[in-house]
Protein backbone atom coordinates (compact mmCIF):
# COMPACT_ATOMS: atom_id res chain seq x y z
CA MET A 1 7.09 -20.79 -1.35
CA ILE A 2 6.03 -19.90 2.20
CA GLU A 3 4.21 -22.73 3.99
CA LYS A 4 2.89 -20.55 6.82
CA LYS A 5 -0.78 -19.62 6.76
CA ILE A 6 -1.84 -15.98 6.54
CA GLY A 7 -5.25 -14.66 7.56
CA PHE A 8 -6.88 -11.45 6.32
CA ILE A 9 -9.23 -9.69 8.72
CA GLY A 10 -10.87 -7.45 6.16
CA CYS A 11 -10.13 -7.58 2.45
CA GLY A 12 -11.30 -4.30 0.92
CA ASN A 13 -9.42 -2.30 -1.71
CA MET A 14 -5.98 -2.41 -0.09
CA GLY A 15 -6.40 -5.91 1.28
CA ARG A 16 -7.51 -7.14 -2.13
CA ALA A 17 -4.50 -5.52 -3.79
CA ILE A 18 -2.17 -7.35 -1.39
CA LEU A 19 -4.10 -10.60 -1.79
CA ASP A 20 -4.00 -10.42 -5.59
CA GLY A 21 -0.30 -9.60 -5.55
CA ILE A 22 0.55 -12.47 -3.19
CA ILE A 23 -1.43 -14.97 -5.26
CA SER A 24 0.08 -13.74 -8.55
CA SER A 25 3.61 -13.95 -7.15
CA GLY A 26 3.08 -17.50 -5.92
CA VAL A 27 4.84 -16.74 -2.62
CA ILE A 28 1.93 -18.32 -0.72
CA ASN A 29 -0.41 -20.97 -2.07
CA SER A 30 -4.05 -19.88 -2.05
CA LYS A 31 -4.91 -22.89 0.14
CA ASN A 32 -2.79 -21.28 2.89
CA ILE A 33 -4.69 -17.98 2.76
CA ASN A 34 -7.73 -17.34 4.98
CA VAL A 35 -10.10 -14.39 4.56
CA TYR A 36 -12.76 -12.99 6.84
CA ASP A 37 -14.91 -10.02 5.85
CA ILE A 38 -18.49 -8.95 6.52
CA SER A 39 -19.09 -7.79 2.95
CA PRO A 40 -20.82 -10.35 0.69
CA ASN A 41 -19.15 -8.78 -2.35
CA VAL A 42 -15.69 -9.17 -0.81
CA ILE A 43 -16.46 -12.77 0.10
CA GLU A 44 -17.57 -13.60 -3.44
CA ASN A 45 -14.51 -11.90 -4.89
CA SER A 46 -12.24 -13.82 -2.51
CA LYS A 47 -13.93 -17.15 -3.25
CA ALA A 48 -13.09 -16.67 -6.91
CA LYS A 49 -9.40 -16.65 -5.96
CA ASN A 50 -9.70 -20.11 -4.32
CA VAL A 51 -8.72 -18.90 -0.86
CA ASN A 52 -10.32 -20.17 2.34
CA ILE A 53 -13.29 -18.15 3.60
CA SER A 54 -13.49 -18.08 7.39
CA ALA A 55 -16.96 -18.06 8.94
CA ASN A 56 -15.80 -15.82 11.78
CA ILE A 57 -12.70 -14.24 13.32
CA LYS A 58 -12.30 -17.15 15.76
CA GLU A 59 -11.97 -19.61 12.90
CA LEU A 60 -9.55 -17.32 11.05
CA CYS A 61 -7.31 -16.85 14.10
CA GLU A 62 -7.20 -20.57 14.82
CA GLU A 63 -6.26 -21.40 11.24
CA SER A 64 -3.66 -18.66 10.64
CA ASP A 65 -0.01 -18.33 11.68
CA ILE A 66 0.18 -14.62 10.90
CA ILE A 67 -2.71 -12.18 10.62
CA LEU A 68 -3.13 -9.11 8.41
CA LEU A 69 -5.47 -6.49 9.84
CA ALA A 70 -6.89 -4.64 6.83
CA ILE A 71 -9.94 -2.73 8.04
CA LYS A 72 -11.05 0.91 8.34
CA PRO A 73 -9.75 2.93 11.33
CA ASN A 74 -13.27 3.73 12.56
CA ILE A 75 -14.10 0.06 13.23
CA VAL A 76 -10.74 -1.25 14.43
CA GLU A 77 -11.52 -0.93 18.16
CA GLU A 78 -14.85 -2.73 17.75
CA VAL A 79 -13.24 -5.54 15.77
CA LEU A 80 -10.31 -6.01 18.15
CA LYS A 81 -12.59 -6.06 21.19
CA SER A 82 -14.75 -8.70 19.51
CA THR A 83 -11.73 -11.00 19.18
CA GLU A 84 -11.64 -11.45 22.98
CA ARG A 85 -8.42 -13.43 23.61
CA LEU A 86 -8.22 -15.00 20.14
CA LEU A 87 -5.25 -12.83 19.15
CA GLU A 88 -3.24 -13.55 22.28
CA GLY A 89 0.29 -14.57 21.36
CA LYS A 90 -0.38 -13.94 17.67
CA ALA A 91 1.74 -11.98 15.20
CA LEU A 92 -0.36 -9.21 13.69
CA LEU A 93 0.46 -7.09 10.64
CA SER A 94 -1.61 -3.89 10.66
CA ILE A 95 -2.25 -1.73 7.61
CA VAL A 96 -4.85 0.33 9.48
CA ALA A 97 -4.18 4.01 8.76
CA GLY A 98 -3.73 6.40 11.65
CA VAL A 99 -3.76 3.84 14.48
CA THR A 100 -0.48 3.39 16.33
CA SER A 101 0.92 0.06 17.46
CA GLU A 102 0.50 1.17 21.07
CA ASN A 103 -3.19 1.95 20.56
CA LEU A 104 -3.77 -1.33 18.75
CA LYS A 105 -2.31 -3.22 21.71
CA LYS A 106 -4.54 -1.32 24.13
CA MET A 107 -7.61 -2.08 22.03
CA ALA A 108 -6.76 -5.78 21.80
CA ASN A 109 -6.14 -5.86 25.57
CA VAL A 110 -4.04 -9.02 25.27
CA ASP A 111 -0.38 -9.87 24.80
CA ILE A 112 0.02 -9.39 21.07
CA ARG A 113 2.90 -8.67 18.72
CA ILE A 114 2.13 -5.96 16.17
CA LEU A 115 4.09 -4.86 13.13
CA ARG A 116 2.59 -1.71 11.64
CA ILE A 117 2.98 -1.40 7.89
CA MET A 118 1.91 0.94 5.09
CA PRO A 119 1.58 -0.69 1.66
CA ASN A 120 0.07 0.78 -1.47
CA THR A 121 -2.23 -0.45 -4.23
CA PRO A 122 0.43 -1.18 -6.93
CA ALA A 123 1.11 -4.31 -4.84
CA MET A 124 -1.72 -5.73 -6.95
CA VAL A 125 0.64 -5.90 -9.94
CA GLY A 126 3.83 -6.66 -8.04
CA GLU A 127 5.03 -3.04 -7.95
CA GLY A 128 4.03 -1.98 -4.46
CA ALA A 129 5.97 0.18 -2.02
CA THR A 130 5.55 -1.16 1.51
CA VAL A 131 6.98 0.46 4.62
CA PHE A 132 7.48 -1.44 7.88
CA CYS A 133 7.78 0.29 11.24
CA LEU A 134 10.81 -0.75 13.26
CA ASP A 135 9.66 -3.13 16.00
CA ASN A 136 11.31 -5.12 18.77
CA THR A 137 8.42 -7.46 19.60
CA PHE A 138 8.46 -9.49 16.38
CA SER A 139 11.01 -12.29 16.25
CA GLN A 140 13.56 -12.16 13.44
CA ASP A 141 11.85 -15.15 11.79
CA GLU A 142 8.51 -13.32 11.87
CA LYS A 143 10.11 -10.18 10.39
CA ASN A 144 11.73 -12.26 7.68
CA LEU A 145 8.37 -13.86 6.89
CA ALA A 146 6.63 -10.47 6.66
CA VAL A 147 9.40 -9.10 4.43
CA GLU A 148 9.28 -12.14 2.16
CA ILE A 149 5.53 -11.74 1.73
CA PHE A 150 5.71 -8.06 0.83
CA GLU A 151 8.89 -8.23 -1.23
CA SER A 152 6.95 -10.61 -3.46
CA VAL A 153 4.69 -7.68 -4.39
CA GLY A 154 7.22 -4.81 -4.55
CA ILE A 155 9.86 -3.11 -2.44
CA VAL A 156 10.11 -2.91 1.36
CA GLU A 157 11.53 -0.09 3.49
CA TRP A 158 11.95 0.18 7.29
CA ILE A 159 11.34 3.42 9.22
CA PRO A 160 10.64 4.56 12.80
CA GLU A 161 6.90 4.53 13.48
CA LYS A 162 6.91 8.29 14.12
CA LEU A 163 7.39 8.77 10.34
CA ILE A 164 4.53 6.53 9.21
CA ASP A 165 2.16 9.47 8.62
CA ALA A 166 4.63 10.93 6.12
CA VAL A 167 4.63 7.58 4.31
CA THR A 168 0.82 7.60 4.29
CA GLY A 169 0.91 10.97 2.54
CA LEU A 170 3.69 10.05 0.10
CA SER A 171 3.49 6.45 -1.09
CA GLY A 172 0.14 5.60 0.48
CA GLY A 173 -1.66 8.33 -1.43
CA GLY A 174 0.94 8.50 -4.20
CA PRO A 175 -0.91 6.19 -6.62
CA ALA A 176 -3.85 8.62 -6.61
CA TYR A 177 -1.58 11.60 -7.30
CA ALA A 178 0.26 9.68 -10.04
CA ALA A 179 -3.05 8.64 -11.59
CA MET A 180 -4.19 12.27 -11.64
CA PHE A 181 -0.94 13.26 -13.37
CA ILE A 182 -1.34 10.47 -15.94
CA GLU A 183 -4.92 11.57 -16.54
CA ALA A 184 -3.79 15.17 -17.01
CA LEU A 185 -1.03 14.11 -19.44
CA ALA A 186 -3.59 12.14 -21.41
CA ASP A 187 -6.02 15.07 -21.45
CA GLY A 188 -3.23 17.18 -22.89
CA GLY A 189 -2.67 14.60 -25.62
CA VAL A 190 -6.38 14.49 -26.45
CA ARG A 191 -6.47 18.29 -26.65
CA GLU A 192 -3.71 18.13 -29.23
CA GLY A 193 -5.58 15.55 -31.33
CA LEU A 194 -4.49 12.13 -30.03
CA SER A 195 -7.10 9.49 -29.31
CA ARG A 196 -8.05 8.90 -25.68
CA ALA A 197 -6.78 5.30 -25.74
CA THR A 198 -3.43 6.25 -27.27
CA SER A 199 -3.03 9.17 -24.85
CA TYR A 200 -3.58 6.95 -21.80
CA ARG A 201 -1.15 4.30 -23.02
CA LEU A 202 1.56 6.86 -23.77
CA ALA A 203 1.03 8.75 -20.51
CA ALA A 204 1.02 5.63 -18.31
CA GLN A 205 4.07 4.13 -20.02
CA THR A 206 5.94 7.42 -19.78
CA VAL A 207 5.41 7.60 -16.00
CA LEU A 208 6.21 3.89 -15.60
CA GLY A 209 9.38 4.16 -17.68
CA THR A 210 10.56 7.31 -15.92
CA GLY A 211 10.16 5.69 -12.52
CA LYS A 212 12.02 2.61 -13.72
CA MET A 213 14.88 4.74 -15.04
CA ILE A 214 15.26 6.52 -11.71
CA ILE A 215 15.18 3.27 -9.71
CA GLU A 216 17.44 1.20 -11.95
CA THR A 217 20.05 3.83 -12.86
CA GLY A 218 20.03 5.85 -9.63
CA ILE A 219 19.81 9.04 -11.65
CA HIS A 220 18.53 12.09 -9.77
CA PRO A 221 15.06 13.18 -11.01
CA GLY A 222 16.39 16.71 -11.57
CA GLU A 223 19.20 15.38 -13.74
CA LEU A 224 16.72 13.35 -15.78
CA LYS A 225 14.58 16.46 -16.26
CA ASP A 226 17.66 18.36 -17.47
CA MET A 227 18.55 15.55 -19.92
CA VAL A 228 15.15 15.91 -21.61
CA SER A 229 15.05 19.72 -21.51
CA SER A 230 17.13 21.02 -24.43
CA PRO A 231 18.00 24.75 -24.56
CA ALA A 232 15.16 26.70 -26.17
CA GLY A 233 13.40 23.38 -26.81
CA THR A 234 9.82 22.15 -26.48
CA THR A 235 10.18 20.40 -23.11
CA ILE A 236 11.54 23.40 -21.23
CA GLU A 237 8.46 25.33 -22.35
CA GLY A 238 6.32 22.65 -20.74
CA VAL A 239 8.46 22.71 -17.58
CA ARG A 240 8.01 26.50 -17.43
CA ALA A 241 4.22 26.08 -17.66
CA LEU A 242 4.22 23.52 -14.83
CA GLU A 243 6.33 25.81 -12.64
CA LYS A 244 4.02 28.72 -13.38
CA GLY A 245 1.03 26.56 -12.44
CA GLY A 246 2.56 25.72 -9.08
CA MET A 247 2.94 21.98 -9.65
CA ARG A 248 5.70 21.49 -7.07
CA PHE A 249 3.83 23.34 -4.33
CA ALA A 250 0.59 21.51 -5.12
CA VAL A 251 2.31 18.12 -4.71
CA LEU A 252 4.08 19.19 -1.51
CA GLU A 253 0.78 20.48 -0.13
CA ALA A 254 -1.04 17.25 -1.07
CA ILE A 255 1.46 15.17 0.91
CA ALA A 256 1.38 17.61 3.83
CA LYS A 257 -2.43 17.56 4.02
CA SER A 258 -2.63 13.78 3.66
CA SER A 259 0.00 13.28 6.37
CA GLU A 260 -1.82 15.72 8.64
CA LYS A 261 -5.08 13.81 8.17
CA SER A 262 -3.31 10.57 9.07
CA ARG A 263 -1.92 12.13 12.24
CA ASN A 264 -5.37 13.40 13.20
CA LEU A 265 -6.83 9.91 12.91
CA CYS A 266 -4.73 8.96 15.94
CA LYS A 267 -6.37 11.61 18.13
């Protein structure tokens, strides 16, 4: 268990997913977690998890060894300016979409170490995919601490920061795309006579199991598709329908558009 104290500046949907995952994993005791947010609903939700609620950012900064910045891009400059010199010398993990490490440092206007990361919501159930941007300002101990925290809620990958927008489009938005696919699978089952509840369970488990097969066996997705698609069988008819409907292009375009939006947030 990590004895360091972590502070959350903002704890909305993504922050809550990380918070829930950390608490469930037991990697950090709830008494070592501080939360500051302006939303009464977020505060009430956080109180129920037995974490410490900070009255203001000053209190949170003073009581935290490492800080997670989990707020919307449109308010990040206002929030960082309001911290005055409270973040000076601190280690900051930023999950703010579309705001580069360089811009965050300029907004803070103090000597601050920033590690930009992109997690996703399955962290809530310990199955997140978190990407860290390569950074030379964090000490090795601080990097190890950050990795330990996020490996407790899923997998961790390291990339150059210039690729973070691609990650935003792929794994950042991926849970939404996967949920749409699961919903569509279930709708297909309902159309064929299955109950809604049964269709959702089968669809979700099928996607979960397929992902687990690919990760644990290392099998190529195309090879797995071929294994299931028998000559003149039922599955290859479904594959043909998906190809005709432009599924591959639609997914590629979704990631391209999401990545483009992330890049534009920086401008």
